[in-house]
Amino acid sequence: MSKADEKRRACAQAVAKYFLEEGLADNSIRTLAEAAGTSDRMLIYYFGSKDALIGESLSLIAGSLSDALDQQVGAGIHSASALLEAVTTATKQPVFDRVVRLWFEIVGQAVRGKEPFATQGRLVADRWIAWIESRLPPRQRHSARELFATLEGRLLLEVLAEKA
């Protein structure tokens, strides 16, 4: 990996960490550059656009979520009901809290058609659904979207209950 690639990855990781800690409210290029410890010009140099930086940062978060779920749930095949319960239980752990909250921020921006969140929301949802499909037996893979929707509903109710 070249030095430029290493710096690019480090910037994306720093922005991912910023999003997990602070959310999406202030995602100006200057704020993201500050979070990455570089200048806004260097971020544009490395990524080409703010949207590309955000996309790569969110992709890193989604990847770390998949890795964490693999550790909690395992990579084996589960029935739909067993997988739903295992993921529901796993996502109640504190390590998932920030990711779940960030996901709902992304969804909120996506439903308003705001880019890059609309595109990234679809990509992350597709990634989740593919992850779910890969853990289901072939005869149940058609239910991956429904499981995703059920899981998302459960997560939303958890987040809302915490706010009450």
N, C-alpha and C. Protein backbone atom coordinates (compact mmCIF):
# COMPACT_ATOMS: atom_id res chain seq x y z
N MET A 1 0.85 -1.17 0.00
CA MET A 1 0.00 0.00 0.00
C MET A 1 0.90 1.24 0.00
N SER A 2 0.60 2.17 -0.87
CA SER A 2 1.40 3.39 -0.97
C SER A 2 1.13 4.32 0.21
N LYS A 3 2.03 5.30 0.39
CA LYS A 3 1.82 6.27 1.47
C LYS A 3 0.52 7.03 1.29
N ALA A 4 0.20 7.38 0.03
CA ALA A 4 -1.06 8.10 -0.24
C ALA A 4 -2.26 7.23 0.12
N ASP A 5 -2.20 5.93 -0.21
CA ASP A 5 -3.29 5.01 0.14
C ASP A 5 -3.43 4.88 1.65
N GLU A 6 -2.28 4.82 2.34
CA GLU A 6 -2.30 4.73 3.80
C GLU A 6 -2.93 5.98 4.41
N LYS A 7 -2.55 7.14 3.88
CA LYS A 7 -3.10 8.41 4.39
C LYS A 7 -4.60 8.49 4.10
N ARG A 8 -4.99 8.06 2.91
CA ARG A 8 -6.40 8.06 2.54
C ARG A 8 -7.20 7.19 3.51
N ARG A 9 -6.70 5.99 3.77
CA ARG A 9 -7.39 5.08 4.68
C ARG A 9 -7.44 5.66 6.09
N ALA A 10 -6.35 6.25 6.54
CA ALA A 10 -6.33 6.85 7.88
C ALA A 10 -7.34 7.99 7.98
N CYS A 11 -7.46 8.78 6.93
CA CYS A 11 -8.44 9.88 6.93
C CYS A 11 -9.86 9.31 6.98
N ALA A 12 -10.14 8.30 6.19
CA ALA A 12 -11.48 7.70 6.18
C ALA A 12 -11.80 7.10 7.55
N GLN A 13 -10.81 6.47 8.18
CA GLN A 13 -11.03 5.90 9.51
C GLN A 13 -11.29 6.98 10.54
N ALA A 14 -10.55 8.08 10.45
CA ALA A 14 -10.76 9.19 11.39
C ALA A 14 -12.15 9.80 11.21
N VAL A 15 -12.59 9.94 9.98
CA VAL A 15 -13.92 10.49 9.72
C VAL A 15 -14.99 9.50 10.18
N ALA A 16 -14.77 8.22 9.98
CA ALA A 16 -15.71 7.20 10.48
C ALA A 16 -15.84 7.31 12.00
N LYS A 17 -14.71 7.46 12.67
CA LYS A 17 -14.73 7.61 14.13
C LYS A 17 -15.49 8.87 14.52
N TYR A 18 -15.26 9.95 13.79
CA TYR A 18 -15.97 11.20 14.06
C TYR A 18 -17.48 11.01 13.93
N PHE A 19 -17.91 10.36 12.84
CA PHE A 19 -19.34 10.13 12.64
C PHE A 19 -19.93 9.30 13.77
N LEU A 20 -19.22 8.28 14.21
CA LEU A 20 -19.72 7.44 15.30
C LEU A 20 -19.83 8.23 16.60
N GLU A 21 -18.91 9.14 16.83
CA GLU A 21 -18.92 9.91 18.07
C GLU A 21 -19.87 11.11 18.01
N GLU A 22 -19.91 11.79 16.86
CA GLU A 22 -20.62 13.07 16.76
C GLU A 22 -21.88 13.03 15.91
N GLY A 23 -22.04 11.99 15.10
CA GLY A 23 -23.18 11.92 14.20
C GLY A 23 -22.92 12.70 12.92
N LEU A 24 -23.99 12.95 12.20
CA LEU A 24 -23.90 13.57 10.87
C LEU A 24 -24.19 15.06 10.85
N ALA A 25 -24.57 15.63 11.98
CA ALA A 25 -25.06 17.01 11.99
C ALA A 25 -24.08 18.00 11.35
N ASP A 26 -22.81 17.90 11.70
CA ASP A 26 -21.83 18.81 11.10
C ASP A 26 -20.90 17.97 10.23
N ASN A 27 -21.23 17.89 8.96
CA ASN A 27 -20.37 17.12 8.05
C ASN A 27 -19.76 18.02 6.98
N SER A 28 -19.44 19.25 7.38
CA SER A 28 -18.76 20.16 6.45
C SER A 28 -17.36 19.61 6.17
N ILE A 29 -16.83 19.93 5.03
CA ILE A 29 -15.51 19.43 4.66
C ILE A 29 -14.45 19.93 5.63
N ARG A 30 -14.60 21.13 6.14
CA ARG A 30 -13.63 21.65 7.12
C ARG A 30 -13.68 20.87 8.43
N THR A 31 -14.87 20.57 8.89
CA THR A 31 -15.01 19.79 10.12
C THR A 31 -14.44 18.39 9.94
N LEU A 32 -14.72 17.78 8.80
CA LEU A 32 -14.20 16.44 8.54
C LEU A 32 -12.69 16.45 8.41
N ALA A 33 -12.15 17.51 7.81
CA ALA A 33 -10.69 17.64 7.70
C ALA A 33 -10.06 17.77 9.08
N GLU A 34 -10.69 18.56 9.93
CA GLU A 34 -10.19 18.70 11.29
C GLU A 34 -10.22 17.35 12.02
N ALA A 35 -11.30 16.61 11.85
CA ALA A 35 -11.40 15.29 12.48
C ALA A 35 -10.32 14.35 11.96
N ALA A 36 -9.96 14.50 10.69
CA ALA A 36 -8.95 13.64 10.07
C ALA A 36 -7.53 14.15 10.31
N GLY A 37 -7.40 15.33 10.89
CA GLY A 37 -6.08 15.87 11.15
C GLY A 37 -5.35 16.32 9.90
N THR A 38 -6.12 16.84 8.95
CA THR A 38 -5.52 17.30 7.69
C THR A 38 -6.30 18.52 7.21
N SER A 39 -6.00 18.97 6.02
CA SER A 39 -6.72 20.12 5.46
C SER A 39 -7.85 19.65 4.56
N ASP A 40 -8.80 20.55 4.33
CA ASP A 40 -9.88 20.23 3.42
C ASP A 40 -9.36 19.97 2.01
N ARG A 41 -8.32 20.68 1.61
CA ARG A 41 -7.75 20.47 0.28
C ARG A 41 -7.15 19.07 0.14
N MET A 42 -6.51 18.60 1.20
CA MET A 42 -5.93 17.25 1.14
C MET A 42 -7.03 16.19 1.08
N LEU A 43 -8.12 16.40 1.79
CA LEU A 43 -9.22 15.45 1.71
C LEU A 43 -9.75 15.37 0.28
N ILE A 44 -9.92 16.51 -0.36
CA ILE A 44 -10.39 16.52 -1.75
C ILE A 44 -9.35 15.86 -2.65
N TYR A 45 -8.08 16.09 -2.38
CA TYR A 45 -7.02 15.44 -3.15
C TYR A 45 -7.12 13.92 -3.02
N TYR A 46 -7.26 13.43 -1.79
CA TYR A 46 -7.31 11.99 -1.55
C TYR A 46 -8.60 11.34 -2.06
N PHE A 47 -9.72 12.02 -1.94
CA PHE A 47 -11.01 11.39 -2.21
C PHE A 47 -11.72 11.93 -3.45
N GLY A 48 -11.35 13.08 -3.93
CA GLY A 48 -12.00 13.65 -5.10
C GLY A 48 -13.21 14.49 -4.77
N SER A 49 -13.93 14.11 -3.71
CA SER A 49 -15.12 14.85 -3.30
C SER A 49 -15.46 14.50 -1.85
N LYS A 50 -16.22 15.37 -1.25
CA LYS A 50 -16.70 15.11 0.12
C LYS A 50 -17.59 13.86 0.13
N ASP A 51 -18.42 13.71 -0.89
CA ASP A 51 -19.31 12.54 -0.95
C ASP A 51 -18.52 11.24 -0.98
N ALA A 52 -17.41 11.22 -1.71
CA ALA A 52 -16.58 10.01 -1.77
C ALA A 52 -15.97 9.71 -0.41
N LEU A 53 -15.52 10.75 0.29
CA LEU A 53 -14.98 10.58 1.65
C LEU A 53 -16.05 10.01 2.58
N ILE A 54 -17.23 10.59 2.54
CA ILE A 54 -18.32 10.10 3.39
C ILE A 54 -18.65 8.66 3.03
N GLY A 55 -18.74 8.37 1.75
CA GLY A 55 -19.03 7.00 1.32
C GLY A 55 -18.02 6.00 1.82
N GLU A 56 -16.75 6.32 1.68
CA GLU A 56 -15.71 5.40 2.14
C GLU A 56 -15.74 5.25 3.66
N SER A 57 -15.97 6.34 4.36
CA SER A 57 -16.03 6.28 5.83
C SER A 57 -17.21 5.43 6.29
N LEU A 58 -18.36 5.61 5.68
CA LEU A 58 -19.53 4.80 6.04
C LEU A 58 -19.34 3.34 5.67
N SER A 59 -18.64 3.10 4.58
CA SER A 59 -18.34 1.72 4.19
C SER A 59 -17.44 1.04 5.23
N LEU A 60 -16.49 1.78 5.77
CA LEU A 60 -15.64 1.23 6.84
C LEU A 60 -16.47 0.86 8.07
N ILE A 61 -17.41 1.74 8.41
CA ILE A 61 -18.28 1.47 9.56
C ILE A 61 -19.12 0.21 9.30
N ALA A 62 -19.69 0.12 8.10
CA ALA A 62 -20.50 -1.06 7.76
C ALA A 62 -19.65 -2.33 7.82
N GLY A 63 -18.43 -2.25 7.34
CA GLY A 63 -17.54 -3.40 7.39
C GLY A 63 -17.20 -3.81 8.81
N SER A 64 -16.97 -2.84 9.67
CA SER A 64 -16.67 -3.17 11.06
C SER A 64 -17.89 -3.75 11.76
N LEU A 65 -19.08 -3.29 11.36
CA LEU A 65 -20.31 -3.86 11.92
C LEU A 65 -20.45 -5.32 11.51
N SER A 66 -20.21 -5.61 10.25
CA SER A 66 -20.27 -7.00 9.78
C SER A 66 -19.28 -7.87 10.53
N ASP A 67 -18.06 -7.36 10.73
CA ASP A 67 -17.04 -8.12 11.46
C ASP A 67 -17.48 -8.37 12.90
N ALA A 68 -18.02 -7.34 13.54
CA ALA A 68 -18.48 -7.49 14.93
C ALA A 68 -19.63 -8.49 15.02
N LEU A 69 -20.54 -8.42 14.06
CA LEU A 69 -21.65 -9.39 14.07
C LEU A 69 -21.15 -10.80 13.81
N ASP A 70 -20.16 -10.94 12.93
CA ASP A 70 -19.58 -12.27 12.70
C ASP A 70 -19.02 -12.84 13.99
N GLN A 71 -18.37 -11.99 14.79
CA GLN A 71 -17.82 -12.45 16.06
C GLN A 71 -18.92 -12.83 17.05
N GLN A 72 -20.01 -12.08 17.05
CA GLN A 72 -21.09 -12.33 18.00
C GLN A 72 -22.00 -13.48 17.58
N VAL A 73 -22.32 -13.50 16.29
CA VAL A 73 -23.32 -14.44 15.78
C VAL A 73 -22.65 -15.66 15.15
N GLY A 74 -21.49 -15.46 14.59
CA GLY A 74 -20.80 -16.53 13.88
C GLY A 74 -21.12 -16.48 12.40
N ALA A 75 -20.31 -17.14 11.64
CA ALA A 75 -20.46 -17.11 10.18
C ALA A 75 -21.27 -18.29 9.67
N GLY A 76 -21.76 -19.14 10.56
CA GLY A 76 -22.50 -20.32 10.14
C GLY A 76 -23.90 -20.01 9.66
N ILE A 77 -24.58 -21.05 9.23
CA ILE A 77 -25.95 -20.96 8.74
C ILE A 77 -26.90 -21.09 9.93
N HIS A 78 -27.91 -20.21 9.95
CA HIS A 78 -28.91 -20.21 11.03
C HIS A 78 -30.30 -20.18 10.40
N SER A 79 -31.27 -20.70 11.11
CA SER A 79 -32.64 -20.52 10.65
C SER A 79 -32.97 -19.04 10.74
N ALA A 80 -34.00 -18.62 10.03
CA ALA A 80 -34.37 -17.21 10.02
C ALA A 80 -34.68 -16.72 11.43
N SER A 81 -35.46 -17.49 12.17
CA SER A 81 -35.83 -17.05 13.52
C SER A 81 -34.62 -17.02 14.45
N ALA A 82 -33.74 -18.01 14.35
CA ALA A 82 -32.55 -18.04 15.20
C ALA A 82 -31.61 -16.89 14.85
N LEU A 83 -31.46 -16.59 13.57
CA LEU A 83 -30.60 -15.48 13.17
C LEU A 83 -31.15 -14.16 13.66
N LEU A 84 -32.45 -13.96 13.50
CA LEU A 84 -33.08 -12.72 13.96
C LEU A 84 -32.86 -12.53 15.46
N GLU A 85 -33.05 -13.57 16.23
CA GLU A 85 -32.86 -13.46 17.68
C GLU A 85 -31.40 -13.23 18.03
N ALA A 86 -30.48 -13.91 17.35
CA ALA A 86 -29.06 -13.75 17.64
C ALA A 86 -28.59 -12.33 17.32
N VAL A 87 -29.02 -11.80 16.19
CA VAL A 87 -28.60 -10.44 15.82
C VAL A 87 -29.26 -9.41 16.73
N THR A 88 -30.52 -9.62 17.06
CA THR A 88 -31.21 -8.71 17.99
C THR A 88 -30.47 -8.67 19.32
N THR A 89 -30.11 -9.81 19.84
CA THR A 89 -29.38 -9.88 21.10
C THR A 89 -28.01 -9.22 20.97
N ALA A 90 -27.31 -9.52 19.91
CA ALA A 90 -25.96 -8.96 19.70
C ALA A 90 -26.00 -7.44 19.62
N THR A 91 -26.97 -6.90 18.92
CA THR A 91 -26.99 -5.44 18.71
C THR A 91 -27.43 -4.67 19.95
N LYS A 92 -27.83 -5.35 20.99
CA LYS A 92 -28.16 -4.68 22.25
C LYS A 92 -26.91 -4.39 23.07
N GLN A 93 -25.79 -4.92 22.65
CA GLN A 93 -24.54 -4.67 23.36
C GLN A 93 -24.06 -3.24 23.08
N PRO A 94 -23.42 -2.62 24.06
CA PRO A 94 -23.00 -1.22 23.91
C PRO A 94 -22.13 -0.94 22.68
N VAL A 95 -21.35 -1.90 22.24
CA VAL A 95 -20.46 -1.69 21.10
C VAL A 95 -21.24 -1.33 19.82
N PHE A 96 -22.50 -1.73 19.76
CA PHE A 96 -23.32 -1.48 18.58
C PHE A 96 -24.13 -0.19 18.68
N ASP A 97 -24.20 0.41 19.85
CA ASP A 97 -25.07 1.55 20.09
C ASP A 97 -24.82 2.70 19.11
N ARG A 98 -23.59 3.13 18.98
CA ARG A 98 -23.29 4.26 18.10
C ARG A 98 -23.58 3.95 16.63
N VAL A 99 -23.30 2.72 16.25
CA VAL A 99 -23.54 2.34 14.85
C VAL A 99 -25.04 2.36 14.55
N VAL A 100 -25.84 1.85 15.47
CA VAL A 100 -27.29 1.83 15.27
C VAL A 100 -27.83 3.26 15.19
N ARG A 101 -27.38 4.12 16.07
CA ARG A 101 -27.84 5.52 16.05
C ARG A 101 -27.42 6.22 14.75
N LEU A 102 -26.20 5.97 14.32
CA LEU A 102 -25.73 6.55 13.07
C LEU A 102 -26.55 6.04 11.90
N TRP A 103 -26.90 4.75 11.92
CA TRP A 103 -27.70 4.18 10.85
C TRP A 103 -29.03 4.94 10.71
N PHE A 104 -29.67 5.23 11.82
CA PHE A 104 -30.94 5.93 11.73
C PHE A 104 -30.77 7.38 11.28
N GLU A 105 -29.64 7.98 11.58
CA GLU A 105 -29.36 9.31 11.01
C GLU A 105 -29.21 9.22 9.50
N ILE A 106 -28.51 8.20 9.04
CA ILE A 106 -28.33 8.00 7.59
C ILE A 106 -29.69 7.80 6.93
N VAL A 107 -30.51 6.96 7.52
CA VAL A 107 -31.84 6.70 6.97
C VAL A 107 -32.66 7.98 6.91
N GLY A 108 -32.59 8.79 7.96
CA GLY A 108 -33.33 10.06 7.98
C GLY A 108 -32.93 10.97 6.83
N GLN A 109 -31.63 11.04 6.57
CA GLN A 109 -31.15 11.86 5.45
C GLN A 109 -31.52 11.22 4.11
N ALA A 110 -31.45 9.90 4.07
CA ALA A 110 -31.74 9.18 2.82
C ALA A 110 -33.20 9.36 2.39
N VAL A 111 -34.12 9.29 3.33
CA VAL A 111 -35.54 9.43 2.96
C VAL A 111 -35.87 10.83 2.47
N ARG A 112 -35.01 11.78 2.79
CA ARG A 112 -35.18 13.13 2.27
C ARG A 112 -34.45 13.32 0.93
N GLY A 113 -33.83 12.23 0.46
CA GLY A 113 -33.14 12.27 -0.82
C GLY A 113 -31.80 12.98 -0.77
N LYS A 114 -31.26 13.19 0.42
CA LYS A 114 -29.99 13.91 0.55
C LYS A 114 -28.83 12.98 0.24
N GLU A 115 -27.99 13.43 -0.67
CA GLU A 115 -26.79 12.69 -1.01
C GLU A 115 -25.63 13.19 -0.16
N PRO A 116 -24.70 12.32 0.12
CA PRO A 116 -24.52 10.96 -0.38
C PRO A 116 -25.27 9.91 0.43
N PHE A 117 -26.12 10.37 1.37
CA PHE A 117 -26.75 9.45 2.30
C PHE A 117 -27.80 8.55 1.66
N ALA A 118 -28.50 9.04 0.64
CA ALA A 118 -29.47 8.18 -0.05
C ALA A 118 -28.75 7.02 -0.71
N THR A 119 -27.68 7.31 -1.40
CA THR A 119 -26.90 6.25 -2.07
C THR A 119 -26.26 5.34 -1.04
N GLN A 120 -25.63 5.92 -0.03
CA GLN A 120 -24.95 5.11 0.99
C GLN A 120 -25.95 4.28 1.79
N GLY A 121 -27.12 4.84 2.06
CA GLY A 121 -28.14 4.07 2.78
C GLY A 121 -28.55 2.83 2.01
N ARG A 122 -28.74 2.99 0.69
CA ARG A 122 -29.07 1.82 -0.14
C ARG A 122 -27.94 0.80 -0.13
N LEU A 123 -26.70 1.28 -0.24
CA LEU A 123 -25.56 0.36 -0.26
C LEU A 123 -25.41 -0.39 1.06
N VAL A 124 -25.58 0.31 2.16
CA VAL A 124 -25.46 -0.33 3.47
C VAL A 124 -26.61 -1.32 3.67
N ALA A 125 -27.83 -0.93 3.29
CA ALA A 125 -28.96 -1.85 3.41
C ALA A 125 -28.73 -3.10 2.57
N ASP A 126 -28.26 -2.91 1.35
CA ASP A 126 -27.96 -4.07 0.49
C ASP A 126 -26.89 -4.96 1.11
N ARG A 127 -25.91 -4.33 1.73
CA ARG A 127 -24.83 -5.09 2.38
C ARG A 127 -25.38 -5.90 3.55
N TRP A 128 -26.26 -5.28 4.35
CA TRP A 128 -26.90 -5.99 5.47
C TRP A 128 -27.72 -7.17 4.96
N ILE A 129 -28.50 -6.93 3.93
CA ILE A 129 -29.35 -7.99 3.39
C ILE A 129 -28.50 -9.14 2.86
N ALA A 130 -27.41 -8.82 2.18
CA ALA A 130 -26.50 -9.87 1.69
C ALA A 130 -25.88 -10.63 2.86
N TRP A 131 -25.54 -9.92 3.92
CA TRP A 131 -24.99 -10.58 5.11
C TRP A 131 -26.02 -11.55 5.69
N ILE A 132 -27.25 -11.09 5.80
CA ILE A 132 -28.32 -11.94 6.33
C ILE A 132 -28.52 -13.15 5.42
N GLU A 133 -28.61 -12.94 4.11
CA GLU A 133 -28.78 -14.05 3.16
C GLU A 133 -27.68 -15.09 3.32
N SER A 134 -26.46 -14.63 3.54
CA SER A 134 -25.33 -15.56 3.63
C SER A 134 -25.38 -16.42 4.89
N ARG A 135 -26.20 -16.05 5.85
CA ARG A 135 -26.32 -16.83 7.09
C ARG A 135 -27.58 -17.67 7.13
N LEU A 136 -28.40 -17.57 6.11
CA LEU A 136 -29.65 -18.34 6.06
C LEU A 136 -29.48 -19.57 5.19
N PRO A 137 -30.24 -20.64 5.51
CA PRO A 137 -30.23 -21.79 4.62
C PRO A 137 -30.84 -21.39 3.26
N PRO A 138 -30.44 -22.03 2.19
CA PRO A 138 -30.92 -21.64 0.86
C PRO A 138 -32.44 -21.50 0.76
N ARG A 139 -33.18 -22.36 1.41
CA ARG A 139 -34.65 -22.30 1.31
C ARG A 139 -35.25 -21.09 2.03
N GLN A 140 -34.47 -20.39 2.86
CA GLN A 140 -34.98 -19.23 3.59
C GLN A 140 -34.37 -17.91 3.12
N ARG A 141 -33.49 -17.96 2.16
CA ARG A 141 -32.79 -16.74 1.74
C ARG A 141 -33.74 -15.69 1.17
N HIS A 142 -34.87 -16.12 0.66
CA HIS A 142 -35.86 -15.16 0.13
C HIS A 142 -36.41 -14.25 1.23
N SER A 143 -36.25 -14.64 2.48
CA SER A 143 -36.80 -13.86 3.59
C SER A 143 -35.79 -12.86 4.17
N ALA A 144 -34.64 -12.69 3.54
CA ALA A 144 -33.60 -11.81 4.08
C ALA A 144 -34.08 -10.36 4.20
N ARG A 145 -34.80 -9.88 3.21
CA ARG A 145 -35.28 -8.49 3.27
C ARG A 145 -36.28 -8.31 4.42
N GLU A 146 -37.14 -9.29 4.60
CA GLU A 146 -38.12 -9.22 5.69
C GLU A 146 -37.41 -9.27 7.05
N LEU A 147 -36.40 -10.09 7.17
CA LEU A 147 -35.63 -10.15 8.42
C LEU A 147 -34.93 -8.82 8.68
N PHE A 148 -34.38 -8.24 7.63
CA PHE A 148 -33.72 -6.94 7.76
C PHE A 148 -34.73 -5.90 8.26
N ALA A 149 -35.90 -5.87 7.67
CA ALA A 149 -36.92 -4.90 8.07
C ALA A 149 -37.36 -5.14 9.52
N THR A 150 -37.52 -6.38 9.91
CA THR A 150 -37.90 -6.70 11.28
C THR A 150 -36.81 -6.28 12.25
N LEU A 151 -35.58 -6.58 11.91
CA LEU A 151 -34.46 -6.19 12.76
C LEU A 151 -34.39 -4.67 12.89
N GLU A 152 -34.52 -3.99 11.77
CA GLU A 152 -34.47 -2.53 11.79
C GLU A 152 -35.59 -1.97 12.66
N GLY A 153 -36.77 -2.53 12.56
CA GLY A 153 -37.88 -2.10 13.40
C GLY A 153 -37.59 -2.31 14.87
N ARG A 154 -37.03 -3.45 15.20
CA ARG A 154 -36.67 -3.71 16.60
C ARG A 154 -35.64 -2.72 17.10
N LEU A 155 -34.64 -2.45 16.27
CA LEU A 155 -33.59 -1.49 16.65
C LEU A 155 -34.17 -0.10 16.86
N LEU A 156 -35.07 0.29 15.98
CA LEU A 156 -35.71 1.61 16.09
C LEU A 156 -36.50 1.71 17.39
N LEU A 157 -37.25 0.68 17.71
CA LEU A 157 -38.02 0.70 18.95
C LEU A 157 -37.11 0.78 20.17
N GLU A 158 -35.96 0.10 20.11
CA GLU A 158 -34.98 0.18 21.21
C GLU A 158 -34.45 1.60 21.37
N VAL A 159 -34.07 2.22 20.25
CA VAL A 159 -33.54 3.59 20.29
C VAL A 159 -34.60 4.54 20.83
N LEU A 160 -35.82 4.41 20.36
CA LEU A 160 -36.90 5.29 20.81
C LEU A 160 -37.23 5.09 22.27
N ALA A 161 -37.17 3.84 22.74
CA ALA A 161 -37.45 3.56 24.15
C ALA A 161 -36.41 4.20 25.05
N GLU A 162 -35.17 4.27 24.59
CA GLU A 162 -34.11 4.89 25.36
C GLU A 162 -34.32 6.40 25.47
N LYS A 163 -34.96 6.99 24.48
CA LYS A 163 -35.17 8.43 24.48
C LYS A 163 -36.36 8.84 25.34
N ALA A 164 -37.24 7.88 25.65
CA ALA A 164 -38.46 8.19 26.41
C ALA A 164 -38.18 8.42 27.87
